[in-house]
Protein backbone atom coordinates (compact mmCIF):
# COMPACT_ATOMS: atom_id res chain seq x y z
CA MET A 1 0.00 0.00 0.00
CA THR A 2 1.28 3.47 -0.86
CA PHE A 3 0.95 6.50 1.37
CA ASP A 4 -1.57 8.02 -1.05
CA GLU A 5 -3.70 4.86 -0.95
CA TYR A 6 -3.54 4.81 2.84
CA LYS A 7 -4.52 8.48 3.06
CA ALA A 8 -7.37 7.98 0.57
CA SER A 9 -8.68 5.12 2.72
CA LEU A 10 -9.56 7.70 5.40
CA ALA A 11 -12.72 8.36 3.37
CA GLY A 12 -13.93 4.87 4.31
CA GLU A 13 -15.71 3.63 7.40
CA LEU A 14 -13.04 1.13 8.51
CA PRO A 15 -9.27 0.92 8.19
CA PRO A 16 -7.92 -1.14 5.30
CA LYS A 17 -7.71 -4.87 5.92
CA GLY A 18 -4.32 -6.34 6.62
CA ILE A 19 -2.61 -3.27 8.08
CA THR A 20 -0.68 -3.38 11.34
CA SER A 21 -2.18 -2.25 14.63
CA GLY A 22 0.09 0.78 14.57
CA LEU A 23 -1.23 1.81 11.17
CA ALA A 24 -4.80 1.15 12.32
CA ALA A 25 -4.26 3.47 15.29
CA LEU A 26 -2.85 6.15 12.99
CA TRP A 27 -5.80 5.63 10.64
CA TYR A 28 -8.21 6.44 13.47
CA ALA A 29 -6.03 9.39 14.47
CA GLY A 30 -6.26 10.59 10.86
CA LYS A 31 -10.04 10.55 11.24
CA ASP A 32 -9.80 12.56 14.51
CA SER A 33 -10.90 9.55 16.56
CA TRP A 34 -8.30 9.93 19.31
CA GLU A 35 -9.99 7.56 21.77
CA GLN A 36 -10.14 4.70 19.26
CA ALA A 37 -6.56 5.37 18.14
CA HIS A 38 -5.31 5.39 21.73
CA ALA A 39 -7.22 2.20 22.61
CA ILE A 40 -5.35 0.42 19.83
CA ALA A 41 -1.93 2.01 20.39
CA GLN A 42 -1.76 1.28 24.10
CA ASP A 43 -2.02 -2.44 23.34
CA VAL A 44 0.92 -2.54 20.89
CA PRO A 45 3.96 -3.54 22.99
CA THR A 46 6.60 -2.65 20.40
CA ARG A 47 8.78 0.37 19.68
CA GLU A 48 6.46 1.08 16.76
CA GLY A 49 3.46 1.03 19.09
CA SER A 50 5.28 3.30 21.54
CA TRP A 51 5.99 5.77 18.72
CA VAL A 52 2.30 5.93 17.80
CA HIS A 53 1.38 6.18 21.50
CA ALA A 54 3.85 9.09 21.88
CA TYR A 55 2.36 10.88 18.89
CA LEU A 56 -1.15 10.48 20.28
CA HIS A 57 -0.16 12.00 23.62
CA ARG A 58 1.46 14.86 21.72
CA VAL A 59 -1.85 15.38 19.91
CA GLU A 60 -3.58 15.35 23.29
CA GLY A 61 -1.20 18.03 24.56
CA ASP A 62 0.26 15.82 27.30
CA GLN A 63 3.93 16.57 26.69
CA TRP A 64 5.21 14.68 29.73
CA ASN A 65 3.41 11.47 28.74
CA ALA A 66 4.41 11.96 25.09
CA ASN A 67 8.08 12.23 26.10
CA TYR A 68 7.78 9.04 28.14
CA TRP A 69 6.50 7.14 25.10
CA TYR A 70 9.02 8.74 22.70
CA ASN A 71 11.72 7.51 25.06
CA ARG A 72 10.25 3.98 25.00
CA ALA A 73 10.22 4.16 21.20
CA GLY A 74 13.86 5.27 21.09
CA LYS A 75 12.84 8.61 19.58
CA THR A 76 12.74 12.25 20.58
CA MET A 77 9.77 14.53 20.20
CA PRO A 78 10.09 16.08 16.74
CA ALA A 79 9.99 19.80 16.04
CA VAL A 80 7.47 19.39 13.20
CA SER A 81 3.73 19.90 12.97
CA LEU A 82 1.40 17.14 14.13
CA GLU A 83 0.30 16.67 10.53
CA GLN A 84 3.88 16.22 9.36
CA GLU A 85 4.65 13.77 12.15
CA TRP A 86 1.53 11.74 11.32
CA GLU A 87 2.67 11.53 7.70
CA ASP A 88 6.25 10.66 8.71
CA ILE A 89 5.13 7.84 11.00
CA VAL A 90 2.69 6.42 8.44
CA LYS A 91 5.37 6.43 5.74
CA ALA A 92 7.88 4.77 8.05
CA MET A 93 5.38 2.04 8.90
CA LEU A 94 4.21 1.37 5.38
């Protein structure tokens, strides 16, 4: 799946079949469904899941919690817009 195909899938009702949990969480985040995205991300016990979890707490405005999850992911909080980070994470996971 390309980034453009993934982004176009946001027009649908459900995330595309066969994507990872991390991408499913980002899909819900892309539809402004933070609660659903967070429910998925908090159950992904990988660095990838921690990265998505960090991003979601950044969206929420909880910088302390975001930094905790960035640390678990082996990342630092980026100095880019939320939109750019969403795109960067999606592209890295595709």
